C-alpha cells in the first residue's frame, strides 16, 4: 500500500516540516492542496514544482497527487454561464495539470464542491452538463501531461452535483478519455451510497473507473477516529492488487493536525499488516 497524507492537515507547518513529519509518521507521499503553496495558485510554475518535488524526495517522500484544486483564487466555477469565469477556471486547471506532472504527481482529484454547485436559478442538471463539458475539454491536456484527472463524488450536503461513484462513472464513460477517471472518498461515500462502501469500491475498481482512494471516517475525522470500519475497504484494495495511492484526508483534526495524521497512519498501517 502506498499511503499519502493531504498536506493541509499539517498547516501551518512549512513544506519541509510537513515532509519531515509525514515521513516520520510512516507516510510515503503528500497529496498537495495548491492553496497551501500560494495564495494565488495561478502563479505556480515548473520551477516551484521542481522545488516541491526535490523537498519531498529529500525526506524520502513523493508527491502523489493534487486536490482542493479550486479553493483559490476566489470566484472560480466550472458550471457558470459566465464565459470569462469559466475560461479562467479552465486555465487554472490546465496549469495545475502541468504542475502535477512537473512535481511527479500521477493524479488530480477534482472535488471543489462550491465551484461545481448550481448558481441561483441554475438546475442541478444544467450544472452537471456544464461540469461534464469542462472535464471533456480538460481531458486531452491531462492525457498529454500523462496524469489522471479524477472526478470525486461528494456528499449531498456538500453539493448536489455528482454524489455517487455510479454517477461519476457514468460521466467518465460519456467523456470517454482514459485520462478522466473517478475515485472514492470513504467519508463522502458513507453519506452518499446506498450499499456498503467496500462493495462500491470493489465494483468500480473491477470496472476500471476508480483510480484513487481517500480514507477518512464518516464523521469527517481521520480513519480510526470514528465508527467507520476501514478494514473492508483495505481488504478490497489488497484483494484487487490496487497499486494506486491511498490518501488520508480528514476534515476535522483531533487532537490537532499532526496528532490526527499520526493516529490515522498508525490505524491504516496496523489494519493493512493484519490483512490475510
C-alpha atoms as a PDB file:
ATOM      1  CA  UNK A   1       0.000   0.000   0.000  1.00  0.00           C
ATOM      2  CA  UNK A   2       1.182   3.480  -0.910  1.00  0.00           C
ATOM      3  CA  UNK A   3      -0.023   5.879   1.788  1.00  0.00           C
ATOM      4  CA  UNK A   4      -0.224   9.642   1.282  1.00  0.00           C
ATOM      5  CA  UNK A   5      -1.253  12.467   3.580  1.00  0.00           C
ATOM      6  CA  UNK A   6      -3.206  15.504   2.447  1.00  0.00           C
ATOM      7  CA  UNK A   7      -0.782  18.265   3.321  1.00  0.00           C
ATOM      8  CA  UNK A   8      -3.256  20.879   4.580  1.00  0.00           C
ATOM      9  CA  UNK A   9      -3.639  18.680   7.674  1.00  0.00           C
ATOM     10  CA  UNK A  10      -0.165  19.798   8.765  1.00  0.00           C
ATOM     11  CA  UNK A  11      -0.634  23.540   8.311  1.00  0.00           C
ATOM     12  CA  UNK A  12       0.736  25.939   9.436  1.00  0.00           C
ATOM     13  CA  UNK A  13       3.963  23.938   9.155  1.00  0.00           C
ATOM     14  CA  UNK A  14       6.066  24.835   6.137  1.00  0.00           C
ATOM     15  CA  UNK A  15       6.621  22.325   3.376  1.00  0.00           C
ATOM     16  CA  UNK A  16       9.928  20.945   4.644  1.00  0.00           C
ATOM     17  CA  UNK A  17       8.482  20.481   8.127  1.00  0.00           C
ATOM     18  CA  UNK A  18       5.401  18.825   6.633  1.00  0.00           C
ATOM     19  CA  UNK A  19       7.624  16.380   4.779  1.00  0.00           C
ATOM     20  CA  UNK A  20       9.693  15.627   7.862  1.00  0.00           C
ATOM     21  CA  UNK A  21       6.575  14.973   9.943  1.00  0.00           C
ATOM     22  CA  UNK A  22       4.836  12.863   7.302  1.00  0.00           C
ATOM     23  CA  UNK A  23       7.916  10.711   6.733  1.00  0.00           C
ATOM     24  CA  UNK A  24       8.350  10.185  10.462  1.00  0.00           C
ATOM     25  CA  UNK A  25       4.709   9.087  10.760  1.00  0.00           C
ATOM     26  CA  UNK A  26       5.125   6.466   8.045  1.00  0.00           C
ATOM     27  CA  UNK A  27       3.598   8.158   5.014  1.00  0.00           C
ATOM     28  CA  UNK A  28       5.035   7.624   1.555  1.00  0.00           C
ATOM     29  CA  UNK A  29       3.857  10.847  -0.056  1.00  0.00           C
ATOM     30  CA  UNK A  30       1.981  14.105   0.280  1.00  0.00           C
ATOM     31  CA  UNK A  31      -1.220  14.945  -1.562  1.00  0.00           C
ATOM     32  CA  UNK A  32      -0.946  18.672  -2.162  1.00  0.00           C
ATOM     33  CA  UNK A  33      -3.652  21.319  -1.927  1.00  0.00           C
ATOM     34  CA  UNK A  34      -2.418  24.127  -4.215  1.00  0.00           C
ATOM     35  CA  UNK A  35      -3.714  26.872  -1.920  1.00  0.00           C
ATOM     36  CA  UNK A  36      -1.159  25.732   0.675  1.00  0.00           C
ATOM     37  CA  UNK A  37       1.653  26.660  -1.705  1.00  0.00           C
ATOM     38  CA  UNK A  38       0.442  30.050  -2.916  1.00  0.00           C
ATOM     39  CA  UNK A  39      -2.376  32.467  -2.168  1.00  0.00           C
ATOM     40  CA  UNK A  40      -2.782  32.641  -5.931  1.00  0.00           C
ATOM     41  CA  UNK A  41      -2.212  29.176  -7.434  1.00  0.00           C
ATOM     42  CA  UNK A  42      -2.206  30.692 -10.922  1.00  0.00           C
ATOM     43  CA  UNK A  43       1.397  31.656 -10.105  1.00  0.00           C
ATOM     44  CA  UNK A  44       2.532  28.045  -9.594  1.00  0.00           C
ATOM     45  CA  UNK A  45       5.084  27.121 -12.236  1.00  0.00           C
ATOM     46  CA  UNK A  46       7.534  24.403 -13.239  1.00  0.00           C
ATOM     47  CA  UNK A  47      10.294  25.822 -11.038  1.00  0.00           C
ATOM     48  CA  UNK A  48       8.013  25.649  -7.990  1.00  0.00           C
ATOM     49  CA  UNK A  49       7.064  22.099  -8.942  1.00  0.00           C
ATOM     50  CA  UNK A  50      10.707  21.038  -9.172  1.00  0.00           C
ATOM     51  CA  UNK A  51      11.411  22.588  -5.766  1.00  0.00           C
ATOM     52  CA  UNK A  52       8.390  20.826  -4.270  1.00  0.00           C
ATOM     53  CA  UNK A  53       9.461  17.500  -5.706  1.00  0.00           C
ATOM     54  CA  UNK A  54      13.044  17.933  -4.505  1.00  0.00           C
ATOM     55  CA  UNK A  55      11.938  18.830  -0.976  1.00  0.00           C
ATOM     56  CA  UNK A  56       9.752  15.742  -0.799  1.00  0.00           C
ATOM     57  CA  UNK A  57      12.486  13.492  -2.184  1.00  0.00           C
ATOM     58  CA  UNK A  58      14.965  14.861   0.359  1.00  0.00           C
ATOM     59  CA  UNK A  59      12.687  13.398   3.037  1.00  0.00           C
ATOM     60  CA  UNK A  60      12.108  10.116   1.232  1.00  0.00           C
ATOM     61  CA  UNK A  61       8.644  11.118   0.012  1.00  0.00           C
ATOM     62  CA  UNK A  62       6.863  11.555  -3.299  1.00  0.00           C
ATOM     63  CA  UNK A  63       4.151  13.957  -4.373  1.00  0.00           C
ATOM     64  CA  UNK A  64       1.274  11.605  -5.072  1.00  0.00           C
ATOM     65  CA  UNK A  65      -1.490  13.901  -6.184  1.00  0.00           C
ATOM     66  CA  UNK A  66      -3.194  17.286  -6.027  1.00  0.00           C
ATOM     67  CA  UNK A  67      -6.602  18.042  -4.525  1.00  0.00           C
ATOM     68  CA  UNK A  68      -8.742  21.019  -3.406  1.00  0.00           C
ATOM     69  CA  UNK A  69      -7.946  22.408  -6.836  1.00  0.00           C
ATOM     70  CA  UNK A  70     -10.247  25.429  -6.907  1.00  0.00           C
ATOM     71  CA  UNK A  71     -10.182  26.846  -3.372  1.00  0.00           C
ATOM     72  CA  UNK A  72      -8.195  29.876  -4.536  1.00  0.00           C
ATOM     73  CA  UNK A  73      -8.425  32.341  -6.135  1.00  0.00           C
ATOM     74  CA  UNK A  74     -11.988  33.271  -5.242  1.00  0.00           C
ATOM     75  CA  UNK A  75     -14.789  33.280  -7.749  1.00  0.00           C
ATOM     76  CA  UNK A  76     -13.970  30.209  -9.831  1.00  0.00           C
ATOM     77  CA  UNK A  77     -16.634  27.929 -11.304  1.00  0.00           C
ATOM     78  CA  UNK A  78     -16.888  25.185 -13.895  1.00  0.00           C
ATOM     79  CA  UNK A  79     -20.676  25.407 -14.109  1.00  0.00           C
ATOM     80  CA  UNK A  80     -21.151  29.142 -14.542  1.00  0.00           C
ATOM     81  CA  UNK A  81     -22.675  30.690 -17.654  1.00  0.00           C
ATOM     82  CA  UNK A  82     -20.113  33.498 -17.363  1.00  0.00           C
ATOM     83  CA  UNK A  83     -17.687  32.705 -20.178  1.00  0.00           C
ATOM     84  CA  UNK A  84     -14.837  34.691 -18.627  1.00  0.00           C
ATOM     85  CA  UNK A  85     -15.101  32.881 -15.272  1.00  0.00           C
ATOM     86  CA  UNK A  86     -15.297  29.505 -16.981  1.00  0.00           C
ATOM     87  CA  UNK A  87     -12.251  30.302 -19.105  1.00  0.00           C
ATOM     88  CA  UNK A  88     -10.294  31.497 -16.054  1.00  0.00           C
ATOM     89  CA  UNK A  89     -11.197  28.304 -14.173  1.00  0.00           C
ATOM     90  CA  UNK A  90     -10.178  26.038 -17.041  1.00  0.00           C
ATOM     91  CA  UNK A  91      -6.930  27.950 -17.491  1.00  0.00           C
ATOM     92  CA  UNK A  92      -6.062  27.350 -13.830  1.00  0.00           C
ATOM     93  CA  UNK A  93      -6.882  23.648 -14.081  1.00  0.00           C
ATOM     94  CA  UNK A  94      -4.668  23.272 -17.149  1.00  0.00           C
ATOM     95  CA  UNK A  95      -1.899  24.974 -15.203  1.00  0.00           C
ATOM     96  CA  UNK A  96      -2.429  22.601 -12.265  1.00  0.00           C
ATOM     97  CA  UNK A  97      -2.345  19.602 -14.599  1.00  0.00           C
ATOM     98  CA  UNK A  98       1.058  20.754 -15.842  1.00  0.00           C
ATOM     99  CA  UNK A  99       2.161  21.475 -12.275  1.00  0.00           C
ATOM    100  CA  UNK A 100       1.135  17.997 -11.140  1.00  0.00           C
ATOM    101  CA  UNK A 101       3.108  16.377 -13.932  1.00  0.00           C
ATOM    102  CA  UNK A 102       6.167  18.509 -13.176  1.00  0.00           C
ATOM    103  CA  UNK A 103       6.224  17.545  -9.491  1.00  0.00           C
ATOM    104  CA  UNK A 104       5.775  13.852 -10.246  1.00  0.00           C
ATOM    105  CA  UNK A 105       2.151  13.525  -9.187  1.00  0.00           C
ATOM    106  CA  UNK A 106       0.052  10.995 -11.071  1.00  0.00           C
ATOM    107  CA  UNK A 107      -3.439  12.120 -10.049  1.00  0.00           C
ATOM    108  CA  UNK A 108      -5.518  15.270  -9.666  1.00  0.00           C
ATOM    109  CA  UNK A 109      -8.640  14.958  -7.506  1.00  0.00           C
ATOM    110  CA  UNK A 110     -11.497  17.219  -8.533  1.00  0.00           C
ATOM    111  CA  UNK A 111     -13.748  17.738  -5.532  1.00  0.00           C
ATOM    112  CA  UNK A 112     -14.218  21.501  -5.093  1.00  0.00           C
ATOM    113  CA  UNK A 113     -17.948  21.382  -4.236  1.00  0.00           C
ATOM    114  CA  UNK A 114     -18.594  25.102  -4.232  1.00  0.00           C
ATOM    115  CA  UNK A 115     -17.158  25.576  -7.705  1.00  0.00           C
ATOM    116  CA  UNK A 116     -19.382  22.882  -9.259  1.00  0.00           C
ATOM    117  CA  UNK A 117     -22.624  23.594  -7.407  1.00  0.00           C
ATOM    118  CA  UNK A 118     -25.502  25.272  -9.250  1.00  0.00           C
ATOM    119  CA  UNK A 119     -25.718  29.037  -9.159  1.00  0.00           C
ATOM    120  CA  UNK A 120     -29.010  30.585  -8.000  1.00  0.00           C
ATOM    121  CA  UNK A 121     -31.598  29.787 -10.635  1.00  0.00           C
ATOM    122  CA  UNK A 122     -29.465  27.074 -12.235  1.00  0.00           C
ATOM    123  CA  UNK A 123     -30.686  23.480 -12.213  1.00  0.00           C
ATOM    124  CA  UNK A 124     -28.632  20.534 -10.994  1.00  0.00           C
ATOM    125  CA  UNK A 125     -28.899  19.052 -14.483  1.00  0.00           C
ATOM    126  CA  UNK A 126     -27.636  22.257 -16.040  1.00  0.00           C
ATOM    127  CA  UNK A 127     -24.657  22.372 -13.682  1.00  0.00           C
ATOM    128  CA  UNK A 128     -23.911  18.699 -14.314  1.00  0.00           C
ATOM    129  CA  UNK A 129     -23.917  19.188 -18.089  1.00  0.00           C
ATOM    130  CA  UNK A 130     -21.541  22.128 -17.778  1.00  0.00           C
ATOM    131  CA  UNK A 131     -19.227  20.166 -15.476  1.00  0.00           C
ATOM    132  CA  UNK A 132     -19.092  17.303 -17.959  1.00  0.00           C
ATOM    133  CA  UNK A 133     -18.326  19.679 -20.802  1.00  0.00           C
ATOM    134  CA  UNK A 134     -15.485  21.230 -18.813  1.00  0.00           C
ATOM    135  CA  UNK A 135     -13.932  17.875 -17.917  1.00  0.00           C
ATOM    136  CA  UNK A 136     -14.165  16.753 -21.537  1.00  0.00           C
ATOM    137  CA  UNK A 137     -12.321  19.914 -22.513  1.00  0.00           C
ATOM    138  CA  UNK A 138      -9.576  19.163 -19.956  1.00  0.00           C
ATOM    139  CA  UNK A 139      -9.180  15.522 -20.990  1.00  0.00           C
ATOM    140  CA  UNK A 140      -6.720  15.993 -23.886  1.00  0.00           C
ATOM    141  CA  UNK A 141      -4.498  18.217 -21.757  1.00  0.00           C
ATOM    142  CA  UNK A 142      -4.415  15.659 -18.936  1.00  0.00           C
ATOM    143  CA  UNK A 143      -3.681  12.882 -21.414  1.00  0.00           C
ATOM    144  CA  UNK A 144      -0.816  14.836 -22.969  1.00  0.00           C
ATOM    145  CA  UNK A 145       0.614  15.523 -19.492  1.00  0.00           C
ATOM    146  CA  UNK A 146       0.422  11.850 -18.532  1.00  0.00           C
ATOM    147  CA  UNK A 147      -1.741  12.380 -15.446  1.00  0.00           C
ATOM    148  CA  UNK A 148      -5.147  11.068 -14.410  1.00  0.00           C
ATOM    149  CA  UNK A 149      -7.854  13.603 -13.611  1.00  0.00           C
ATOM    150  CA  UNK A 150     -10.334  12.128 -11.122  1.00  0.00           C
ATOM    151  CA  UNK A 151     -13.851  13.436 -10.609  1.00  0.00           C
ATOM    152  CA  UNK A 152     -14.654  12.997  -6.922  1.00  0.00           C
ATOM    153  CA  UNK A 153     -18.203  12.064  -5.877  1.00  0.00           C
ATOM    154  CA  UNK A 154     -19.121  14.201  -2.873  1.00  0.00           C
ATOM    155  CA  UNK A 155     -21.726  14.013  -0.119  1.00  0.00           C
ATOM    156  CA  UNK A 156     -25.137  15.604  -0.770  1.00  0.00           C
ATOM    157  CA  UNK A 157     -24.566  18.153   1.990  1.00  0.00           C
ATOM    158  CA  UNK A 158     -21.544  19.438   0.041  1.00  0.00           C
ATOM    159  CA  UNK A 159     -23.032  19.637  -3.462  1.00  0.00           C
ATOM    160  CA  UNK A 160     -25.953  18.149  -5.410  1.00  0.00           C
ATOM    161  CA  UNK A 161     -23.718  17.590  -8.455  1.00  0.00           C
ATOM    162  CA  UNK A 162     -22.297  14.028  -8.668  1.00  0.00           C
ATOM    163  CA  UNK A 163     -22.838  12.301  -5.321  1.00  0.00           C
ATOM    164  CA  UNK A 164     -22.280   8.628  -6.097  1.00  0.00           C
ATOM    165  CA  UNK A 165     -19.490   6.715  -7.739  1.00  0.00           C
ATOM    166  CA  UNK A 166     -22.025   5.367 -10.242  1.00  0.00           C
ATOM    167  CA  UNK A 167     -22.919   8.920 -11.299  1.00  0.00           C
ATOM    168  CA  UNK A 168     -19.251   9.802 -11.656  1.00  0.00           C
ATOM    169  CA  UNK A 169     -18.520   6.593 -13.573  1.00  0.00           C
ATOM    170  CA  UNK A 170     -21.349   7.332 -15.994  1.00  0.00           C
ATOM    171  CA  UNK A 171     -19.871  10.769 -16.673  1.00  0.00           C
ATOM    172  CA  UNK A 172     -16.428   9.238 -17.126  1.00  0.00           C
ATOM    173  CA  UNK A 173     -17.882   6.821 -19.680  1.00  0.00           C
ATOM    174  CA  UNK A 174     -19.609   9.606 -21.592  1.00  0.00           C
ATOM    175  CA  UNK A 175     -16.372  11.595 -21.782  1.00  0.00           C
ATOM    176  CA  UNK A 176     -14.547   8.504 -22.965  1.00  0.00           C
ATOM    177  CA  UNK A 177     -10.968   9.518 -22.195  1.00  0.00           C
ATOM    178  CA  UNK A 178      -8.546   7.284 -20.257  1.00  0.00           C
ATOM    179  CA  UNK A 179      -7.242  10.453 -18.591  1.00  0.00           C
ATOM    180  CA  UNK A 180     -10.597  11.103 -16.882  1.00  0.00           C
ATOM    181  CA  UNK A 181     -11.489   8.664 -14.094  1.00  0.00           C
ATOM    182  CA  UNK A 182     -13.211   8.762 -10.745  1.00  0.00           C
ATOM    183  CA  UNK A 183     -12.185   7.941  -7.185  1.00  0.00           C
ATOM    184  CA  UNK A 184     -13.658   7.039  -3.811  1.00  0.00           C
ATOM    185  CA  UNK A 185     -13.587   9.051  -0.609  1.00  0.00           C
ATOM    186  CA  UNK A 186     -14.707   6.847   2.280  1.00  0.00           C
ATOM    187  CA  UNK A 187     -16.400   9.636   4.227  1.00  0.00           C
ATOM    188  CA  UNK A 188     -18.282  11.018   1.221  1.00  0.00           C
ATOM    189  CA  UNK A 189     -19.306   7.531   0.106  1.00  0.00           C
ATOM    190  CA  UNK A 190     -20.579   6.784   3.605  1.00  0.00           C
ATOM    191  CA  UNK A 191     -23.029   9.669   3.192  1.00  0.00           C
ATOM    192  CA  UNK A 192     -23.936   9.106  -0.470  1.00  0.00           C
ATOM    193  CA  UNK A 193     -24.011   5.417  -1.284  1.00  0.00           C
ATOM    194  CA  UNK A 194     -26.899   3.034  -0.634  1.00  0.00           C
ATOM    195  CA  UNK A 195     -24.733  -0.026  -0.213  1.00  0.00           C
ATOM    196  CA  UNK A 196     -21.600  -0.728   1.847  1.00  0.00           C
ATOM    197  CA  UNK A 197     -18.670   1.416   0.781  1.00  0.00           C
ATOM    198  CA  UNK A 198     -16.360  -1.529   0.223  1.00  0.00           C
ATOM    199  CA  UNK A 199     -18.864  -3.098  -2.194  1.00  0.00           C
ATOM    200  CA  UNK A 200     -18.977   0.114  -4.220  1.00  0.00           C
ATOM    201  CA  UNK A 201     -15.189   0.189  -4.225  1.00  0.00           C
ATOM    202  CA  UNK A 202     -14.963  -3.417  -5.402  1.00  0.00           C
ATOM    203  CA  UNK A 203     -17.401  -2.909  -8.266  1.00  0.00           C
ATOM    204  CA  UNK A 204     -15.807   0.231  -9.647  1.00  0.00           C
ATOM    205  CA  UNK A 205     -12.234  -0.921  -9.148  1.00  0.00           C
ATOM    206  CA  UNK A 206     -13.126  -4.023 -11.131  1.00  0.00           C
ATOM    207  CA  UNK A 207     -14.683  -1.893 -13.877  1.00  0.00           C
ATOM    208  CA  UNK A 208     -11.576   0.284 -14.075  1.00  0.00           C
ATOM    209  CA  UNK A 209     -13.304   3.530 -13.146  1.00  0.00           C
ATOM    210  CA  UNK A 210     -11.575   4.202  -9.801  1.00  0.00           C
ATOM    211  CA  UNK A 211      -8.002   5.491  -9.893  1.00  0.00           C
ATOM    212  CA  UNK A 212      -7.581   6.962  -6.402  1.00  0.00           C
ATOM    213  CA  UNK A 213      -8.831   6.386  -2.847  1.00  0.00           C
ATOM    214  CA  UNK A 214      -9.097   8.705   0.149  1.00  0.00           C
ATOM    215  CA  UNK A 215      -9.643   7.259   3.618  1.00  0.00           C
ATOM    216  CA  UNK A 216     -11.359   9.020   6.493  1.00  0.00           C
ATOM    217  CA  UNK A 217     -14.317   8.484   8.810  1.00  0.00           C
ATOM    218  CA  UNK A 218     -17.966   9.222   8.115  1.00  0.00           C
ATOM    219  CA  UNK A 219     -17.688  11.799  10.912  1.00  0.00           C
ATOM    220  CA  UNK A 220     -15.043  13.570   8.744  1.00  0.00           C
ATOM    221  CA  UNK A 221     -12.205  12.818  11.144  1.00  0.00           C
ATOM    222  CA  UNK A 222      -9.281  10.556  10.393  1.00  0.00           C
ATOM    223  CA  UNK A 223      -9.526   6.797   9.877  1.00  0.00           C
ATOM    224  CA  UNK A 224      -9.714   5.169  13.283  1.00  0.00           C
ATOM    225  CA  UNK A 225     -11.371   8.206  14.875  1.00  0.00           C
ATOM    226  CA  UNK A 226     -14.981   7.116  14.467  1.00  0.00           C
ATOM    227  CA  UNK A 227     -17.255   4.182  13.756  1.00  0.00           C
ATOM    228  CA  UNK A 228     -16.383   3.654  10.079  1.00  0.00           C
ATOM    229  CA  UNK A 229     -14.673   0.312   9.564  1.00  0.00           C
ATOM    230  CA  UNK A 230     -11.675   0.743   7.298  1.00  0.00           C
ATOM    231  CA  UNK A 231     -10.761  -2.949   7.196  1.00  0.00           C
ATOM    232  CA  UNK A 232     -13.301  -3.958   4.496  1.00  0.00           C
ATOM    233  CA  UNK A 233     -12.104  -1.095   2.287  1.00  0.00           C
ATOM    234  CA  UNK A 234      -8.452  -2.009   2.723  1.00  0.00           C
ATOM    235  CA  UNK A 235      -9.224  -5.690   2.177  1.00  0.00           C
ATOM    236  CA  UNK A 236     -10.745  -4.855  -1.213  1.00  0.00           C
ATOM    237  CA  UNK A 237      -7.657  -2.848  -2.138  1.00  0.00           C
ATOM    238  CA  UNK A 238      -5.407  -5.743  -1.218  1.00  0.00           C
ATOM    239  CA  UNK A 239      -7.560  -8.388  -2.894  1.00  0.00           C
ATOM    240  CA  UNK A 240      -7.723  -6.326  -6.097  1.00  0.00           C
ATOM    241  CA  UNK A 241      -3.958  -5.666  -6.080  1.00  0.00           C
ATOM    242  CA  UNK A 242      -4.679  -1.951  -6.165  1.00  0.00           C
ATOM    243  CA  UNK A 243      -1.441  -0.126  -6.908  1.00  0.00           C
ATOM    244  CA  UNK A 244      -2.666   3.462  -6.733  1.00  0.00           C
ATOM    245  CA  UNK A 245      -2.433   5.892  -3.865  1.00  0.00           C
ATOM    246  CA  UNK A 246      -4.408   5.765  -0.624  1.00  0.00           C
ATOM    247  CA  UNK A 247      -4.585   9.286   0.805  1.00  0.00           C
ATOM    248  CA  UNK A 248      -5.581  10.194   4.349  1.00  0.00           C
ATOM    249  CA  UNK A 249      -7.934  13.186   4.210  1.00  0.00           C
ATOM    250  CA  UNK A 250      -9.602  14.196   7.477  1.00  0.00           C
ATOM    251  CA  UNK A 251     -11.569  17.427   7.707  1.00  0.00           C
ATOM    252  CA  UNK A 252     -11.741  17.694  11.500  1.00  0.00           C
ATOM    253  CA  UNK A 253      -8.360  17.402  13.196  1.00  0.00           C
ATOM    254  CA  UNK A 254      -8.342  15.867  16.664  1.00  0.00           C
ATOM    255  CA  UNK A 255      -6.397  16.396  18.830  1.00  0.00           C
ATOM    256  CA  UNK A 256      -4.752  18.600  16.180  1.00  0.00           C
ATOM    257  CA  UNK A 257      -3.439  18.198  12.641  1.00  0.00           C
ATOM    258  CA  UNK A 258      -0.219  16.311  13.432  1.00  0.00           C
ATOM    259  CA  UNK A 259      -1.957  14.199  16.070  1.00  0.00           C
ATOM    260  CA  UNK A 260      -4.745  13.261  13.678  1.00  0.00           C
ATOM    261  CA  UNK A 261      -2.257  12.425  10.925  1.00  0.00           C
ATOM    262  CA  UNK A 262      -0.259  10.164  13.221  1.00  0.00           C
ATOM    263  CA  UNK A 263      -3.313   8.338  14.575  1.00  0.00           C
ATOM    264  CA  UNK A 264      -4.586   7.840  11.028  1.00  0.00           C
ATOM    265  CA  UNK A 265      -1.326   6.440   9.674  1.00  0.00           C
ATOM    266  CA  UNK A 266      -0.989   4.049  12.595  1.00  0.00           C
ATOM    267  CA  UNK A 267      -4.578   2.833  12.226  1.00  0.00           C
ATOM    268  CA  UNK A 268      -4.349   2.217   8.481  1.00  0.00           C
ATOM    269  CA  UNK A 269      -0.928   0.552   8.644  1.00  0.00           C
ATOM    270  CA  UNK A 270      -1.993  -1.667  11.543  1.00  0.00           C
ATOM    271  CA  UNK A 271      -5.044  -2.916   9.652  1.00  0.00           C
ATOM    272  CA  UNK A 272      -3.028  -3.468   6.472  1.00  0.00           C
ATOM    273  CA  UNK A 273      -0.408  -5.560   8.250  1.00  0.00           C
ATOM    274  CA  UNK A 274      -3.121  -7.809   9.703  1.00  0.00           C
ATOM    275  CA  UNK A 275      -4.920  -8.476   6.407  1.00  0.00           C
ATOM    276  CA  UNK A 276      -4.732 -12.030   5.072  1.00  0.00           C
END
